[in-house]
Amino acid sequence: MIWGLVQILLFQGIGELISQFALPTLPGPVIGLVLLILWLVLRKGINADLAMVADGFSQYFGILFVPAAVGVVLFLPQLKANALAIICALVGSVILTIASAAIVVRSLSLEKSSHD
């Protein structure tokens, strides 16, 4: 389990270094996450330690939404004033997300079937 946490922190640290010296407009953890995903794709799998740490983190993701909920309550008058625009943006983004995910899944499934 410790090795899985070390891997996550190592990639976040590498991402922070790249962010500081090469790509200051991108957050270090985002760069680290992309590097971790690329590393896992190259390895073609996730080891047990990393999977255990990821499962442990995912159990507590709900806690991360508490500050956002407090922010929503704080800006409730502005949200009410712009409700139509916010609803349109949310519906549009959901539709675009579902459509883009479908396109990616379809292209990957076609690519996989052509290799078989």
Protein backbone atom coordinates (compact mmCIF):
# COMPACT_ATOMS: atom_id res chain seq x y z
CA MET A 1 0.00 0.00 0.00
CA ILE A 2 2.85 2.37 0.80
CA TRP A 3 4.35 1.79 -2.66
CA GLY A 4 1.05 2.84 -4.27
CA LEU A 5 1.02 6.08 -2.29
CA VAL A 6 4.66 6.69 -3.18
CA GLN A 7 3.81 6.30 -6.87
CA ILE A 8 1.00 8.83 -6.66
CA LEU A 9 3.12 11.33 -4.75
CA LEU A 10 6.08 10.78 -7.08
CA PHE A 11 4.02 11.62 -10.17
CA GLN A 12 2.48 14.62 -8.42
CA GLY A 13 5.96 15.83 -7.51
CA ILE A 14 7.19 15.40 -11.08
CA GLY A 15 4.11 17.28 -12.26
CA GLU A 16 4.84 20.12 -9.82
CA LEU A 17 8.42 20.36 -11.09
CA ILE A 18 7.29 20.47 -14.70
CA SER A 19 4.67 23.08 -13.78
CA GLN A 20 7.23 25.26 -12.02
CA PHE A 21 9.91 25.14 -14.70
CA ALA A 22 8.25 24.34 -18.04
CA LEU A 23 4.47 24.76 -18.04
CA PRO A 24 3.50 27.36 -15.43
CA THR A 25 -0.05 27.71 -16.76
CA LEU A 26 -0.94 24.09 -15.94
CA PRO A 27 -1.35 22.87 -12.35
CA GLY A 28 1.27 20.38 -11.21
CA PRO A 29 -1.20 17.74 -10.01
CA VAL A 30 -2.90 17.74 -13.42
CA ILE A 31 0.43 17.24 -15.18
CA GLY A 32 1.29 14.50 -12.68
CA LEU A 33 -2.05 12.77 -13.28
CA VAL A 34 -1.52 12.80 -17.05
CA LEU A 35 1.99 11.38 -16.58
CA LEU A 36 0.63 8.68 -14.25
CA ILE A 37 -2.04 7.71 -16.78
CA LEU A 38 0.55 7.57 -19.58
CA TRP A 39 2.80 5.42 -17.39
CA LEU A 40 -0.06 3.04 -16.61
CA VAL A 41 -0.98 2.80 -20.30
CA LEU A 42 2.64 1.97 -21.18
CA ARG A 43 2.71 -0.68 -18.44
CA LYS A 44 -0.70 -1.96 -19.59
CA GLY A 45 -2.08 -2.31 -16.10
CA ILE A 46 -2.29 -1.13 -12.52
CA ASN A 47 -0.37 -2.89 -9.79
CA ALA A 48 -2.16 -4.06 -6.63
CA ASP A 49 -0.66 -1.39 -4.35
CA LEU A 50 -1.75 1.48 -6.56
CA ALA A 51 -5.23 -0.01 -6.97
CA MET A 52 -5.57 -0.35 -3.19
CA VAL A 53 -4.65 3.30 -2.60
CA ALA A 54 -6.95 4.47 -5.39
CA ASP A 55 -9.84 2.47 -3.92
CA GLY A 56 -9.15 3.98 -0.50
CA PHE A 57 -9.15 7.52 -1.89
CA SER A 58 -12.32 7.00 -3.91
CA GLN A 59 -14.28 6.12 -0.76
CA TYR A 60 -13.85 9.69 0.50
CA PHE A 61 -14.50 11.72 -2.66
CA GLY A 62 -17.83 12.90 -1.25
CA ILE A 63 -16.01 14.95 1.37
CA LEU A 64 -14.44 17.03 -1.39
CA PHE A 65 -17.88 18.33 -2.38
CA VAL A 66 -18.62 19.91 1.01
CA PRO A 67 -16.68 23.15 0.32
CA ALA A 68 -18.33 23.43 -3.09
CA ALA A 69 -21.78 23.10 -1.52
CA VAL A 70 -20.93 25.85 0.96
CA GLY A 71 -19.84 28.05 -1.95
CA VAL A 72 -23.13 27.41 -3.73
CA VAL A 73 -25.08 28.56 -0.68
CA LEU A 74 -22.86 31.63 -0.36
CA PHE A 75 -23.57 32.74 -3.94
CA LEU A 76 -27.24 31.76 -4.03
CA PRO A 77 -28.51 35.23 -5.07
CA GLN A 78 -26.16 35.31 -8.08
CA LEU A 79 -27.16 31.76 -8.99
CA LYS A 80 -30.84 32.66 -8.88
CA ALA A 81 -30.24 35.70 -11.09
CA ASN A 82 -28.44 33.58 -13.71
CA ALA A 83 -30.39 30.34 -13.33
CA LEU A 84 -31.41 30.01 -16.98
CA ALA A 85 -27.87 30.47 -18.26
CA ILE A 86 -26.51 28.02 -15.70
CA ILE A 87 -29.12 25.38 -16.54
CA CYS A 88 -28.43 25.76 -20.27
CA ALA A 89 -24.69 25.43 -19.68
CA LEU A 90 -25.14 22.34 -17.52
CA VAL A 91 -27.49 20.61 -19.95
CA GLY A 92 -25.24 21.49 -22.89
CA SER A 93 -22.12 20.23 -21.15
CA VAL A 94 -23.81 16.96 -20.17
CA ILE A 95 -24.92 16.39 -23.76
CA LEU A 96 -21.44 17.17 -25.11
CA THR A 97 -19.81 14.91 -22.51
CA ILE A 98 -22.05 11.98 -23.32
CA ALA A 99 -21.58 12.50 -27.07
CA SER A 100 -17.80 12.77 -26.85
CA ALA A 101 -17.60 9.71 -24.58
CA ALA A 102 -19.72 7.74 -27.05
CA ILE A 103 -17.46 8.78 -29.94
CA VAL A 104 -14.34 7.74 -28.03
CA VAL A 105 -15.81 4.39 -26.99
CA ARG A 106 -16.99 3.72 -30.52
CA SER A 107 -13.62 4.56 -32.05
CA LEU A 108 -11.79 2.44 -29.50
CA SER A 109 -14.14 -0.50 -30.01
CA LEU A 110 -13.73 -0.25 -33.80
CA GLU A 111 -9.96 -0.11 -33.37
CA LYS A 112 -10.00 -3.16 -31.10
CA SER A 113 -12.24 -5.16 -33.44
CA SER A 114 -9.95 -4.41 -36.39
CA HIS A 115 -7.01 -5.88 -34.45
CA ASP A 116 -8.86 -9.15 -33.74
